[in-house]
Every structure is written in C-alpha cells, then in structure tokens.
C-alpha cells in the first residue's frame, strides 16, 4: 500500500507543519488537524466500531485569500492523501446542462490512480532502469534477426509483432559491451538515436458514457485495433527516459493499482468544495440560479454516504472527508438547506488578514513571496535586499488597499510586488554584470505612490 503517515503526526505536529506555509488562522488549522488525527484513531478501532465512525466534515467561512484552500491542499500533501479541489459553481442540478456532482468523486479517484501508479512506478524504478538500458543497447547495436513474413491482414491492421529472438552473434555482443561502457560513462547522452514509440492520436479518444463516465475508445477496442507506433529521433538521454517509463508500465500490475487507489480514495480521500456560498439560497428562484438549491440536494447524498460509479469500479463516499469553504459575504450559512448544514458539524471562521499578517506572509513561510522574487531575479544576476522598513511599507500598502477596495487577502501582495518590481523585471536579462538592489521604505513609497497616488488606488484593484 502507498505510505500514509497520519499515525506519526499529532494534532500539534500537524499544525506546526501547516504553520510553515500558512500565517495565522489557528482555529482552522486546529480543526483540520483534529479531523486528520481522528482518521488514524478510527483506523485503530475494532471493525464493528470503525464502520460506525464517520469523518466530521468542516465548513470554513472567511474572505478570499486568507488560506482556506491552502490549508486543505497542504493537509492532503502532508499525508499523501488523494485530494481534489472543485468549485461548487460549476455543478448544476440533475437535468440541467453542466457537470453533475458525482464527477467530483470521479476526479478524486483519478487523482488516487495517478498517485498510486506514480508510487508503484517509483518502486520498480531500479528494475525498469536496467531493462531500459538493455532495450537501449538493442537499439544502438541491433542484432541479427531471422526473417519472418507477415500476413497481409497483420500489415493492414498495423499489428505489432512480439520481439523476435536474436540470433547469437559474438561480434554484436562485443560491440554491445563496448557501447554499455560508453553509456555508463555518459559519453553517448547527446547522441541521436531513432526509436519506436507509441502514437497517441489526438481527438476522438474519449466519448461520454453512462452516468457521465468518459470511455477511452482505444482502451475499449484495444484487442481489435492495436496501438499505432511511430519513429522518433531523440537523444540517448531522452530515449532512456522513454524506455524506463515503458518498462515501469510493464512491471506494475494495474489491477493492483486500481484496487489500492479505490481503497485509498474511500478511506483517505479529501474533497475540497470551494465557493459553496455561491450555491446558498432557498425558495423560489429564476434565471441562471434556479438550480442552486438542487445542487445542494445533489451534494447531500455524497456527504451522507453513497456509492458512485466510476470507470474503475464503484466507490463509497462514507468515509471521505469533505471540506467546504466560502466567503459568505452576501449569503449566510443559514441560507444553505438545513440537511446540508447538518453535514458540516465543524464550522470555523477565518479572520481577515491584519497588517502584521501581511508582514509575516512576505517572509516567514517556506514559499514566501520575497523568497520567490529574490530567487527569480537572481537568475539575471540581480540581488534583491529588502530591509525592515520596506517590508513594513509593503504590508501597509496591502492592508490599506484591501480595506479601501475589494478584500483579496494575501493575493493582493502579488499585485503590489509586481508593480514594485515591474521596471527592474522588465530591464533585467542579458549579459549584465551582477547588481544588488537595496529596497527600503522610501523606494517602496516612491514606486507605489507614483503609479497609484495617495487617493487613487485603482491601479491595485484586480
């Protein structure tokens, strides 16, 4: 099975990991940490009791850009759990044009399949590499093969024959041994070689099936219409990578991958439903919002526990963790149908970001914006140095603009930093000598006020 590690993380440790990427929002972090730990606790219960314990779904309430999506995404990454983020607004009630809510579960299963397949292929990487090396040697130094005629039907259908056994040849063996030494020393990495690869035709590959399931025509008719191939000239390094992928595919058991992925999705899947406030509203409605309450009712069975049909098999949603989020600026949580409200027993409110929060977001997280922009411009031999006064000014600008216009949360910092560094980013590049740009408070005020003015903040409104 793919390795999950909730058992080694206590709620405090989970929050500490989230703190590396998200500033503030302690209540939300505590809620998801406890939900994650409860999954491990449930797994240690006797089977009879375990089947009765279901996840406590979470509803996050807060303005955009304060960390709702990031908390859920980092949580899933922390324990290698299948994760999918969907927008509630793209779903429609059954009977209307649009995606049905079951598609979110199918997307989750697809994510689980990719995760398990990647894990399995990594496990056989060593053996796949050795077989790929042998395949590469056969291409670089082809041996003699007995001539074999192909019947006209095989040629017409493009049917690929199984590799024929090579005739023993001491000269070929000697040349392959010599070539193998060159491959190990890296002398042939940039040499061109012609290889045969699978030709994946674009278009008309997928067709809608029953229940919204897409069917791959190539897979369905694979026994009748063999896969087409084509010749490609690539470097040896690229050929090795292609062969390693092909050999790894052969070494893994897709039935085993599917079985593990379905179990992983059922027991550890996390579905993040964003903008749930946009489908809030009850009573008679007309126009494009007519199906909002219908979408809520369609989502309800997934939260209560149901079985969804996917192309890999049926999947139960009873033990999946659903995390919903919304700003609820216009609507209220009470505008959701009561049954849906009851399926989110844990409700946490995320606070708007303060000026101090903006200051911390700029520098403290492992993926902090200042670190990102500094690394980007270092490619062009420019070193950025921000002093404390500059960071305070940037945080102040972000806070003021959010207060005076739409509150975009931390996303506002992207706009402000792009405006601040626009000139230097545009002029950087080429064979310029190394240059250090020291940014202080006066530099920030001069460049931002020059384009915005103290009263005109429209430049920063997205």
Protein backbone atom coordinates (compact mmCIF):
# COMPACT_ATOMS: atom_id res chain seq x y z
CA UNK A 1 0.00 0.00 0.00
CA UNK A 2 1.01 3.60 -0.53
CA UNK A 3 2.57 5.06 2.61
CA UNK A 4 0.38 7.37 4.68
CA UNK A 5 1.76 8.92 7.83
CA UNK A 6 -1.04 10.35 9.98
CA UNK A 7 -0.08 7.94 12.74
CA UNK A 8 3.21 9.68 13.40
CA UNK A 9 1.72 13.19 13.48
CA UNK A 10 -0.16 14.52 16.49
CA UNK A 11 -2.56 17.45 16.02
CA UNK A 12 0.09 19.81 17.37
CA UNK A 13 2.64 18.49 14.89
CA UNK A 14 0.16 18.84 12.03
CA UNK A 15 -0.46 22.48 12.97
CA UNK A 16 3.30 23.05 13.17
CA UNK A 17 3.68 21.75 9.62
CA UNK A 18 0.84 23.97 8.39
CA UNK A 19 2.46 26.96 10.12
CA UNK A 20 5.38 26.63 7.71
CA UNK A 21 3.14 27.73 4.83
CA UNK A 22 0.09 29.50 6.30
CA UNK A 23 0.14 32.52 8.59
CA UNK A 24 -2.48 32.76 11.34
CA UNK A 25 -5.90 31.03 11.12
CA UNK A 26 -5.18 28.90 14.19
CA UNK A 27 -8.82 27.78 14.64
CA UNK A 28 -9.00 26.36 11.12
CA UNK A 29 -5.64 24.63 11.49
CA UNK A 30 -6.70 23.03 14.77
CA UNK A 31 -9.96 21.80 13.22
CA UNK A 32 -8.32 20.10 10.23
CA UNK A 33 -5.54 18.70 12.43
CA UNK A 34 -8.05 17.01 14.73
CA UNK A 35 -10.02 15.72 11.72
CA UNK A 36 -6.86 14.20 10.28
CA UNK A 37 -5.80 12.62 13.57
CA UNK A 38 -9.29 11.18 14.01
CA UNK A 39 -8.76 9.22 10.81
CA UNK A 40 -5.82 7.46 12.42
CA UNK A 41 -7.77 6.95 15.64
CA UNK A 42 -10.62 5.42 13.67
CA UNK A 43 -8.23 3.02 11.91
CA UNK A 44 -7.19 1.62 15.33
CA UNK A 45 -10.75 0.77 16.40
CA UNK A 46 -12.35 -2.69 16.13
CA UNK A 47 -14.03 -3.18 12.75
CA UNK A 48 -17.56 -3.06 14.17
CA UNK A 49 -16.92 0.31 15.81
CA UNK A 50 -14.78 1.59 12.91
CA UNK A 51 -17.64 1.19 10.46
CA UNK A 52 -19.83 3.40 12.63
CA UNK A 53 -17.36 6.30 12.90
CA UNK A 54 -17.58 8.76 10.01
CA UNK A 55 -15.45 11.87 9.36
CA UNK A 56 -16.68 15.19 10.75
CA UNK A 57 -16.84 17.45 7.70
CA UNK A 58 -15.60 21.02 8.02
CA UNK A 59 -17.04 24.31 6.76
CA UNK A 60 -14.56 27.20 6.52
CA UNK A 61 -16.00 30.69 6.48
CA UNK A 62 -13.81 33.63 5.54
CA UNK A 63 -12.88 36.12 2.81
CA UNK A 64 -10.84 35.16 -0.22
CA UNK A 65 -7.08 34.93 0.05
CA UNK A 66 -6.84 34.11 3.77
CA UNK A 67 -5.69 30.48 3.39
CA UNK A 68 -8.78 28.26 3.12
CA UNK A 69 -7.69 26.35 0.02
CA UNK A 70 -4.04 26.29 1.07
CA UNK A 71 -4.87 24.69 4.42
CA UNK A 72 -6.78 21.83 2.74
CA UNK A 73 -4.17 21.36 0.00
CA UNK A 74 -1.24 21.28 2.41
CA UNK A 75 -3.14 18.91 4.68
CA UNK A 76 -3.60 16.38 1.89
CA UNK A 77 0.02 16.70 0.79
CA UNK A 78 1.15 16.16 4.35
CA UNK A 79 -0.23 12.62 4.46
CA UNK A 80 -0.14 11.64 0.74
CA UNK A 81 -3.94 11.57 0.61
CA UNK A 82 -5.88 11.85 -2.65
CA UNK A 83 -7.11 15.44 -2.88
CA UNK A 84 -9.37 17.28 -5.27
CA UNK A 85 -10.46 20.91 -5.28
CA UNK A 86 -13.71 21.75 -7.02
CA UNK A 87 -15.76 24.91 -7.45
CA UNK A 88 -19.37 24.47 -6.34
CA UNK A 89 -20.50 26.91 -9.03
CA UNK A 90 -19.63 24.59 -11.92
CA UNK A 91 -22.15 21.98 -10.87
CA UNK A 92 -25.81 22.00 -11.84
CA UNK A 93 -28.85 20.13 -10.69
CA UNK A 94 -29.52 16.86 -12.48
CA UNK A 95 -31.49 17.68 -15.61
CA UNK A 96 -29.65 20.93 -16.36
CA UNK A 97 -26.71 21.44 -18.67
CA UNK A 98 -23.45 21.20 -16.72
CA UNK A 99 -21.43 18.80 -14.61
CA UNK A 100 -23.17 16.56 -12.09
CA UNK A 101 -21.82 16.44 -8.55
CA UNK A 102 -20.72 12.79 -8.86
CA UNK A 103 -17.93 13.97 -11.16
CA UNK A 104 -16.03 15.32 -8.14
CA UNK A 105 -15.74 11.76 -6.80
CA UNK A 106 -14.60 10.50 -10.19
CA UNK A 107 -11.96 13.24 -10.27
CA UNK A 108 -10.83 12.16 -6.79
CA UNK A 109 -10.50 8.55 -7.96
CA UNK A 110 -8.48 9.69 -10.98
CA UNK A 111 -6.15 11.56 -8.59
CA UNK A 112 -5.81 8.42 -6.45
CA UNK A 113 -5.00 6.29 -9.51
CA UNK A 114 -2.25 8.72 -10.55
CA UNK A 115 -0.86 8.80 -7.02
CA UNK A 116 -0.70 5.02 -6.58
CA UNK A 117 0.62 4.48 -10.11
CA UNK A 118 3.42 7.00 -9.51
CA UNK A 119 4.26 5.29 -6.21
CA UNK A 120 4.35 1.84 -7.82
CA UNK A 121 6.46 3.03 -10.75
CA UNK A 122 8.92 4.61 -8.34
CA UNK A 123 9.19 1.29 -6.50
CA UNK A 124 10.24 -0.55 -9.69
CA UNK A 125 12.44 2.26 -10.96
CA UNK A 126 15.66 0.29 -10.47
CA UNK A 127 14.49 -2.77 -12.41
CA UNK A 128 12.88 -0.57 -15.07
CA UNK A 129 16.17 1.28 -15.47
CA UNK A 130 18.10 -1.95 -16.01
CA UNK A 131 15.61 -3.22 -18.58
CA UNK A 132 15.56 0.16 -20.30
CA UNK A 133 19.36 0.01 -20.57
CA UNK A 134 19.14 -3.36 -22.30
CA UNK A 135 16.45 -2.04 -24.63
CA UNK A 136 18.63 0.95 -25.45
CA UNK A 137 21.59 -1.29 -26.22
CA UNK A 138 19.47 -3.32 -28.63
CA UNK A 139 18.53 -0.10 -30.44
CA UNK A 140 22.08 1.25 -30.54
CA UNK A 141 23.60 -2.08 -31.57
CA UNK A 142 20.88 -4.11 -33.29
CA UNK A 143 21.42 -7.83 -33.61
CA UNK A 144 20.56 -10.13 -36.49
CA UNK A 145 17.01 -11.44 -36.52
CA UNK A 146 15.60 -14.26 -38.62
CA UNK A 147 13.44 -13.06 -41.47
CA UNK A 148 9.76 -13.70 -40.92
CA UNK A 149 6.98 -12.88 -43.32
CA UNK A 150 3.89 -11.08 -42.14
CA UNK A 151 0.48 -11.89 -43.50
CA UNK A 152 -1.37 -9.10 -45.38
CA UNK A 153 -4.02 -8.74 -42.65
CA UNK A 154 -1.39 -8.03 -39.99
CA UNK A 155 0.24 -5.42 -42.21
CA UNK A 156 -3.13 -3.81 -42.95
CA UNK A 157 -4.09 -3.59 -39.28
CA UNK A 158 -0.63 -2.42 -38.24
CA UNK A 159 -0.40 -5.25 -35.76
CA UNK A 160 2.88 -5.21 -33.86
CA UNK A 161 4.73 -8.49 -33.54
CA UNK A 162 6.32 -9.73 -30.39
CA UNK A 163 10.08 -9.07 -30.39
CA UNK A 164 11.78 -11.93 -32.20
CA UNK A 165 14.68 -13.72 -30.60
CA UNK A 166 18.01 -12.53 -31.91
CA UNK A 167 20.44 -14.93 -33.47
CA UNK A 168 23.59 -15.32 -31.36
CA UNK A 169 26.42 -13.21 -32.68
CA UNK A 170 29.72 -12.78 -30.82
CA UNK A 171 30.51 -9.58 -32.72
CA UNK A 172 27.22 -8.00 -31.63
CA UNK A 173 27.88 -9.00 -28.01
CA UNK A 174 31.33 -7.40 -28.11
CA UNK A 175 30.02 -4.16 -29.59
CA UNK A 176 27.20 -4.02 -27.04
CA UNK A 177 29.66 -4.49 -24.22
CA UNK A 178 31.71 -1.58 -25.57
CA UNK A 179 28.60 0.56 -26.02
CA UNK A 180 27.44 -0.26 -22.48
CA UNK A 181 30.68 1.16 -21.10
CA UNK A 182 30.16 4.36 -23.08
CA UNK A 183 26.59 4.63 -21.77
CA UNK A 184 27.75 4.26 -18.17
CA UNK A 185 30.41 6.94 -18.65
CA UNK A 186 27.83 9.32 -20.18
CA UNK A 187 29.65 9.70 -23.50
CA UNK A 188 26.55 8.96 -25.58
CA UNK A 189 23.93 11.06 -23.78
CA UNK A 190 23.71 13.70 -26.54
CA UNK A 191 23.90 11.24 -29.44
CA UNK A 192 20.80 10.91 -31.60
CA UNK A 193 19.00 7.58 -31.89
CA UNK A 194 15.86 6.52 -33.73
CA UNK A 195 13.32 4.72 -31.58
CA UNK A 196 9.78 3.42 -31.97
CA UNK A 197 7.23 4.99 -29.64
CA UNK A 198 3.50 4.67 -29.20
CA UNK A 199 1.50 7.13 -31.29
CA UNK A 200 -1.29 8.64 -29.20
CA UNK A 201 -3.72 10.19 -31.66
CA UNK A 202 -5.38 13.39 -30.53
CA UNK A 203 -9.12 13.92 -30.56
CA UNK A 204 -11.89 11.30 -30.59
CA UNK A 205 -10.14 9.44 -27.81
CA UNK A 206 -12.84 9.99 -25.21
CA UNK A 207 -16.60 9.72 -25.52
CA UNK A 208 -19.26 10.30 -22.86
CA UNK A 209 -20.67 7.15 -21.35
CA UNK A 210 -23.48 6.36 -18.96
CA UNK A 211 -23.53 8.42 -15.78
CA UNK A 212 -21.10 10.97 -17.14
CA UNK A 213 -18.23 8.47 -17.28
CA UNK A 214 -15.82 9.08 -20.13
CA UNK A 215 -14.84 5.98 -22.11
CA UNK A 216 -11.47 5.66 -23.79
CA UNK A 217 -12.13 4.19 -27.23
CA UNK A 218 -8.54 2.97 -27.60
CA UNK A 219 -8.75 1.02 -24.34
CA UNK A 220 -12.19 -0.35 -25.20
CA UNK A 221 -11.12 -1.59 -28.64
CA UNK A 222 -7.50 -2.36 -27.78
CA UNK A 223 -7.95 -6.04 -28.56
CA UNK A 224 -9.32 -5.25 -32.01
CA UNK A 225 -7.37 -2.20 -33.07
CA UNK A 226 -3.72 -2.47 -31.96
CA UNK A 227 -1.92 0.61 -30.80
CA UNK A 228 -0.13 2.55 -33.50
CA UNK A 229 3.54 3.43 -33.29
CA UNK A 230 5.78 5.97 -34.94
CA UNK A 231 9.50 6.58 -35.33
CA UNK A 232 11.19 9.40 -33.40
CA UNK A 233 14.75 10.72 -33.43
CA UNK A 234 15.73 11.66 -29.91
CA UNK A 235 18.84 11.96 -27.80
CA UNK A 236 20.01 8.91 -25.90
CA UNK A 237 19.11 10.55 -22.57
CA UNK A 238 15.52 11.09 -23.74
CA UNK A 239 15.32 7.58 -25.19
CA UNK A 240 16.39 6.12 -21.85
CA UNK A 241 13.66 8.09 -20.07
CA UNK A 242 11.02 6.87 -22.55
CA UNK A 243 12.15 3.26 -22.21
CA UNK A 244 12.17 3.50 -18.41
CA UNK A 245 8.55 4.68 -18.48
CA UNK A 246 7.57 1.85 -20.81
CA UNK A 247 9.34 -0.81 -18.75
CA UNK A 248 7.91 0.52 -15.49
CA UNK A 249 4.43 0.34 -17.01
CA UNK A 250 5.03 -3.33 -17.81
CA UNK A 251 6.31 -4.12 -14.32
CA UNK A 252 3.34 -2.77 -12.38
CA UNK A 253 0.02 -4.57 -12.02
CA UNK A 254 -2.75 -2.11 -13.00
CA UNK A 255 -5.40 -4.28 -11.30
CA UNK A 256 -3.46 -3.90 -8.07
CA UNK A 257 -3.05 -0.16 -8.68
CA UNK A 258 -6.80 0.23 -9.20
CA UNK A 259 -7.67 -1.80 -6.12
CA UNK A 260 -5.34 0.21 -3.87
CA UNK A 261 -6.42 3.52 -5.38
CA UNK A 262 -10.10 2.83 -4.78
CA UNK A 263 -9.38 1.91 -1.17
CA UNK A 264 -7.22 4.99 -0.73
CA UNK A 265 -9.90 7.28 -2.14
CA UNK A 266 -12.60 5.72 0.04
CA UNK A 267 -10.69 5.75 3.31
CA UNK A 268 -8.39 8.78 2.96
CA UNK A 269 -9.79 10.96 0.16
CA UNK A 270 -10.23 14.69 0.81
CA UNK A 271 -12.70 16.71 -1.28
CA UNK A 272 -12.44 20.49 -1.03
CA UNK A 273 -15.58 22.26 -2.25
CA UNK A 274 -14.86 25.96 -2.73
CA UNK A 275 -17.34 28.81 -3.16
CA UNK A 276 -20.14 26.86 -1.53
CA UNK A 277 -21.71 30.20 -0.56
CA UNK A 278 -22.45 30.79 -4.26
CA UNK A 279 -25.00 27.97 -4.26
CA UNK A 280 -26.61 29.10 -1.00
CA UNK A 281 -30.17 30.31 -1.20
CA UNK A 282 -33.58 28.78 -0.75
CA UNK A 283 -37.05 29.49 -2.01
CA UNK A 284 -38.32 30.22 -5.49
CA UNK A 285 -35.59 31.40 -7.86
CA UNK A 286 -35.50 32.13 -11.54
CA UNK A 287 -32.84 32.54 -14.21
CA UNK A 288 -29.34 31.03 -14.01
CA UNK A 289 -29.58 30.46 -10.24
CA UNK A 290 -32.61 28.21 -10.49
CA UNK A 291 -30.63 25.04 -9.75
CA UNK A 292 -28.67 26.26 -6.74
CA UNK A 293 -30.82 24.51 -4.17
CA UNK A 294 -30.91 21.48 -6.43
CA UNK A 295 -27.10 21.31 -6.38
CA UNK A 296 -27.17 21.37 -2.59
CA UNK A 297 -29.59 18.45 -2.58
CA UNK A 298 -27.43 16.57 -5.09
CA UNK A 299 -24.32 17.06 -2.91
CA UNK A 300 -26.15 15.82 0.18
CA UNK A 301 -26.04 12.07 -0.67
CA UNK A 302 -22.27 12.28 -1.13
CA UNK A 303 -21.92 13.73 2.37
CA UNK A 304 -24.32 11.22 3.88
CA UNK A 305 -22.55 8.31 2.22
CA UNK A 306 -23.40 6.84 -1.14
CA UNK A 307 -21.86 4.75 -3.91
CA UNK A 308 -20.63 6.47 -7.06
CA UNK A 309 -19.98 4.56 -10.25
CA UNK A 310 -16.62 5.28 -11.87
CA UNK A 311 -14.80 3.70 -14.81
CA UNK A 312 -12.59 1.88 -12.29
CA UNK A 313 -15.49 0.50 -10.27
CA UNK A 314 -17.94 1.61 -7.56
CA UNK A 315 -16.64 3.93 -4.84
CA UNK A 316 -18.22 4.61 -1.45
CA UNK A 317 -18.13 8.15 -0.07
CA UNK A 318 -18.99 7.25 3.54
CA UNK A 319 -15.50 7.86 4.92
CA UNK A 320 -14.24 10.65 2.67
CA UNK A 321 -13.50 13.98 4.34
CA UNK A 322 -15.35 16.92 2.81
CA UNK A 323 -14.08 20.44 3.48
CA UNK A 324 -16.27 23.24 2.16
CA UNK A 325 -15.36 26.92 2.06
CA UNK A 326 -16.99 30.19 1.21
CA UNK A 327 -16.76 33.91 1.92
CA UNK A 328 -20.48 34.25 2.72
CA UNK A 329 -20.38 38.00 2.05
CA UNK A 330 -23.88 38.18 0.58
CA UNK A 331 -25.45 34.92 1.68
CA UNK A 332 -25.31 33.36 5.14
CA UNK A 333 -24.60 29.83 6.30
CA UNK A 334 -28.25 29.65 7.33
CA UNK A 335 -29.17 30.08 3.63
CA UNK A 336 -27.90 26.55 2.97
CA UNK A 337 -30.55 23.87 3.29
CA UNK A 338 -30.70 22.53 6.87
CA UNK A 339 -29.71 19.00 5.81
CA UNK A 340 -26.51 20.32 4.24
CA UNK A 341 -25.69 22.48 7.26
CA UNK A 342 -26.01 19.42 9.46
CA UNK A 343 -23.47 17.53 7.37
CA UNK A 344 -20.81 20.12 8.25
CA UNK A 345 -20.75 19.86 12.04
CA UNK A 346 -17.43 21.70 12.36
CA UNK A 347 -17.66 25.36 11.37
CA UNK A 348 -14.60 27.61 11.64
CA UNK A 349 -14.30 31.28 10.77
CA UNK A 350 -11.10 32.57 9.22
CA UNK A 351 -10.22 36.15 10.06
CA UNK A 352 -9.26 38.86 7.60
CA UNK A 353 -5.53 39.46 7.41
CA UNK A 354 -4.04 42.22 9.53
CA UNK A 355 -1.10 44.42 8.60
CA UNK A 356 1.14 42.25 10.78
CA UNK A 357 -0.12 39.14 8.98
CA UNK A 358 0.89 40.64 5.63
CA UNK A 359 4.31 41.40 7.09
CA UNK A 360 4.76 37.76 8.13
CA UNK A 361 3.40 36.37 4.84
CA UNK A 362 6.10 38.24 2.95
CA UNK A 363 8.98 36.50 4.68
CA UNK A 364 8.07 33.67 7.07
CA UNK A 365 6.51 30.83 5.02
CA UNK A 366 8.84 28.42 3.24
CA UNK A 367 7.38 29.62 -0.06
CA UNK A 368 7.31 33.31 0.95
CA UNK A 369 6.85 35.84 -1.85
CA UNK A 370 10.03 37.75 -1.07
CA UNK A 371 12.00 34.50 -1.37
CA UNK A 372 10.31 33.73 -4.70
CA UNK A 373 11.00 37.12 -6.28
CA UNK A 374 14.56 37.17 -4.95
CA UNK A 375 15.22 33.75 -6.49
CA UNK A 376 13.62 34.71 -9.82
CA UNK A 377 15.71 37.84 -10.32
CA UNK A 378 18.91 36.15 -9.12
CA UNK A 379 18.76 34.23 -12.42
CA UNK A 380 19.56 37.54 -14.16
CA UNK A 381 22.36 38.41 -11.69
CA UNK A 382 20.20 40.80 -9.66
CA UNK A 383 20.24 40.50 -5.88
CA UNK A 384 17.24 41.96 -4.06
CA UNK A 385 17.64 43.12 -0.47
CA UNK A 386 14.55 44.25 1.45
CA UNK A 387 15.05 45.98 4.79
CA UNK A 388 12.51 46.02 7.62
CA UNK A 389 11.15 49.43 6.62
CA UNK A 390 10.43 48.18 3.09
CA UNK A 391 8.59 45.12 4.38
CA UNK A 392 6.50 47.25 6.72
CA UNK A 393 5.61 49.60 3.87
CA UNK A 394 4.58 46.72 1.59
CA UNK A 395 2.41 45.24 4.34
CA UNK A 396 0.85 48.66 4.96
CA UNK A 397 0.03 49.17 1.28
CA UNK A 398 -1.56 45.71 1.03
CA UNK A 399 -3.67 46.29 4.11
CA UNK A 400 -4.82 49.78 3.06
CA UNK A 401 -5.77 48.72 -0.47
CA UNK A 402 -7.72 45.71 0.81
CA UNK A 403 -9.56 47.94 3.26
CA UNK A 404 -10.41 50.59 0.70
CA UNK A 405 -11.44 48.25 -2.14
CA UNK A 406 -12.19 44.55 -2.58
CA UNK A 407 -10.53 42.42 0.09
CA UNK A 408 -8.37 39.93 -1.84
CA UNK A 409 -6.41 38.77 1.16
CA UNK A 410 -2.83 37.65 0.56
CA UNK A 411 -3.37 37.70 -3.20
CA UNK A 412 -3.09 41.47 -3.01
CA UNK A 413 0.63 41.09 -2.28
CA UNK A 414 1.19 39.57 -5.74
CA UNK A 415 -0.21 42.70 -7.38
CA UNK A 416 1.78 45.05 -5.20
CA UNK A 417 5.09 43.24 -5.65
CA UNK A 418 4.59 43.02 -9.42
CA UNK A 419 4.02 46.79 -9.52
CA UNK A 420 7.02 47.46 -7.30
CA UNK A 421 9.40 45.33 -9.36
CA UNK A 422 7.90 45.95 -12.79
CA UNK A 423 10.72 48.15 -14.09
CA UNK A 424 13.56 46.03 -12.77
CA UNK A 425 11.91 42.80 -14.03
CA UNK A 426 11.45 44.31 -17.48
CA UNK A 427 15.00 45.64 -17.81
CA UNK A 428 16.72 42.60 -16.31
CA UNK A 429 18.22 39.98 -18.58
CA UNK A 430 21.10 39.68 -20.96
CA UNK A 431 24.76 39.68 -20.04
CA UNK A 432 24.62 42.42 -17.42
CA UNK A 433 27.08 42.30 -14.51
CA UNK A 434 25.88 41.32 -11.05
CA UNK A 435 23.85 44.05 -9.40
CA UNK A 436 22.42 44.46 -5.89
CA UNK A 437 19.19 46.41 -5.49
CA UNK A 438 18.56 47.57 -1.94
CA UNK A 439 14.88 48.27 -1.36
CA UNK A 440 13.91 50.42 1.61
CA UNK A 441 10.76 52.18 2.71
CA UNK A 442 11.36 55.27 0.58
CA UNK A 443 11.86 53.09 -2.53
CA UNK A 444 8.55 51.32 -1.86
CA UNK A 445 6.65 54.56 -1.24
CA UNK A 446 8.15 56.27 -4.28
CA UNK A 447 7.40 53.47 -6.74
CA UNK A 448 3.95 52.55 -5.46
CA UNK A 449 2.65 56.07 -4.92
CA UNK A 450 3.99 57.11 -8.30
CA UNK A 451 1.60 54.75 -10.04
CA UNK A 452 -1.25 54.87 -7.56
CA UNK A 453 -1.23 58.19 -5.77
CA UNK A 454 -2.45 58.50 -2.19
CA UNK A 455 -6.10 58.74 -3.26
CA UNK A 456 -6.14 56.67 -6.43
CA UNK A 457 -5.74 53.01 -5.53
CA UNK A 458 -7.39 51.68 -8.66
CA UNK A 459 -4.01 50.54 -10.02
CA UNK A 460 -4.05 47.74 -7.47
CA UNK A 461 -7.62 46.59 -7.98
CA UNK A 462 -7.81 43.34 -9.88
